Each structure stands twice: as C-alpha cells, then as structure tokens.
Amino acid sequence: MQSSHQVTRPTTSSTPGPVPTPAATQPRPVGAALAVRPLVNALGPRRYATINWVGLWTLYAKEVRRFIAVGTQTVLAPMVTTLLFLAIFVLALGHRVDQVGGQSYMQFLAPGLIMMAMTQNAFANTSSSLLIAKVQGNIVDLLMPPLSPVEQTIGVAAGGLTRGLIVGIATGLGMWLFTPLQIAHPLVALFFAVMACLLLSLIGMLAGIWAVKFDHMAAVTNFVITPLSFLSGTFYSTERLAPVWKAVAHADPFFYMIDGFRYAFIDHADGSVMTGAILLLTANLCLVWLVHRCFAHGYKLKA
C-alpha cells in the first residue's frame, strides 16, 4: 500500500529527459532581451557627440609624433640654421649698425629670426604631411575615419602649430646663450607666435592639398614663402627704407607677425601692433574656412 505523499510519475517515452516544448511557447528570459539590445545597437551606425574628441586627439597626436620621431631634422636642424643666420648677420653688419629701435642689432635681429624659424617649420609640417600622404596613397587614413572636416582641419593645423612653437622655444633658448633676450610683453609674444604659426600651418595645408608633386611644393616655398619671409623686415628695420619700399614691406602680411613679435621683446614696432593683430586674426579665420571647404568637398583629395 502506497503512502499518501508518494507522487505518481507520468509515463514517458524511451528518450531520457524532459519533453521539449515548442520554442514559441517557451517563456523568454528577461536577461536575454536585455542582452540583445546592445548587440542590435552595435550592428547599427555608431553615434558620436558634436565633436569626436577621441578621433581629434588621435589625429593631432599622429601629427606631433610624425615630426618628433625625426626631431633632429625637424627641431634641432632649424635651431642650428637660425643660430648661423644670427652669427653671420651680426658679424657682417653688427659693426655698421649700432642700434635699431633703441636696442642693439643682435637683440633686434633675434625675435625676427625666431619668428621666421617658427613659421617656416609650421608651413613645412602641414604641407609635407598632406603631400606625402597623397603621393604615397595613404591619404585615405585621414579621409575614412569618422572625422568631420572641422576636426580634420583642427587636427592637422594644430600639429603644425605645435611644431612651430617647439622650434621657436628651442631657437629662443639657443639664442639666449649668446644674447640676453628679455620679453617686455609676454602675452603679446604668445599671441603673435600662435597666430603666425597657425597662419603658416593653414597656408601649408592649402599648399599640400593643391600640390600634386614635390615640384609644386618647391615652387610655393621658393616663390611665395621664402620671399615674403625675407622681405618682411626680419633682418632690418623698415623705417630705413625708401617710402615706396616701405609701403611694399607694410603690404606684406609676414611683416605684421614679425613686427608684432619683435615689439613683444624690445617694446618697439615699425608698424601698428593692433593692425597686425586684427589682420592675423582675420586671415586665420578666412583660411580655416577655406581649408574646411577643401576637406568638405574633397578638393584634390578624393577621386
């Protein structure tokens, strides 16, 4: 006789285990529904904020590491070249030019040479970066990542700006060993250094986008950048020029960035510092817009 609490087992088939129920009738675990949602979202388009900060920082770091890897060529060589310019002009003209703007010729010359080194290297960094990428065919590494034209413009231009400032600091420290450099207006020096390096960095980007081969870039450097640099009052005061040539020098945009930077050191300017600041700021805004449009339309960057 069976006990009252004994459970009678149902008759089962020869297959061991519980009888499976149809999948449609099985209850779906709550955790499984939650686990499917991230998978569905991962398969869709990835969403970014207004600015892709990770991508922007990655592009900027790539541009900086590119010239830091060859620092002897990109930082040390310009410093040595600028010091040679200083030595040659001081030895050749130092005994003929006693003072310029109330300062010795060496102290007058040093800020202009520092600015020339900064701007030339800012231009070289961005122009070579884009042109080499186009020639080698890896420009797609810049165009395919999820970066907007604004982020591409800022990332590449900031790399050239950084190189220009680093070269300027290295050159200034090297000159400080030979001539006592004093900054009368530190904030003015910082403003003109940043604006000038950014200006040449953006011009370098336009040149790199436009150029198809290295001959085109050499033409821009030899017939545009170098003449404007040497005729901007780097080695002399424009006050000693004839009225016609003085007007020509003041029409050179490079004159205002060198004159403003020199004013920050020796507290003397040949032109209007405020005019130079407004001109540089306006030029940079126009160039940022122009480079942005080139990236947005893929001018000479996309097939």
Foldseek 3Di string as FASTA:
>chain_A
DDDPPDDDDDDDDPDDDDDDDDPVPDDDDPVVVVVVVVVVVVPDDDDDDPAPVVVLVVLLVVLQCVCVVVVCVLAVVLLVVLVVVLVVLCVVCQVVAQDDQNHRLSLLQLLLSLLLSLLVSLLVSLLCVLQVCLVVVVLCVLQVPPHALLSSLVSQLVSSLVSSVSNSVSNVVVVCVPDPWAFQAVVLLVLLSSLSSSLSNLVSNVQNLPDNDVVSVVCCCPVPVVVLSVLQQSNHQLVPPDPVSSVVNVVRLNNLSSQSNSCRTSVDGNDDNVVNSVVSVVSSVVSSVVSSVCSVVVRSNDD
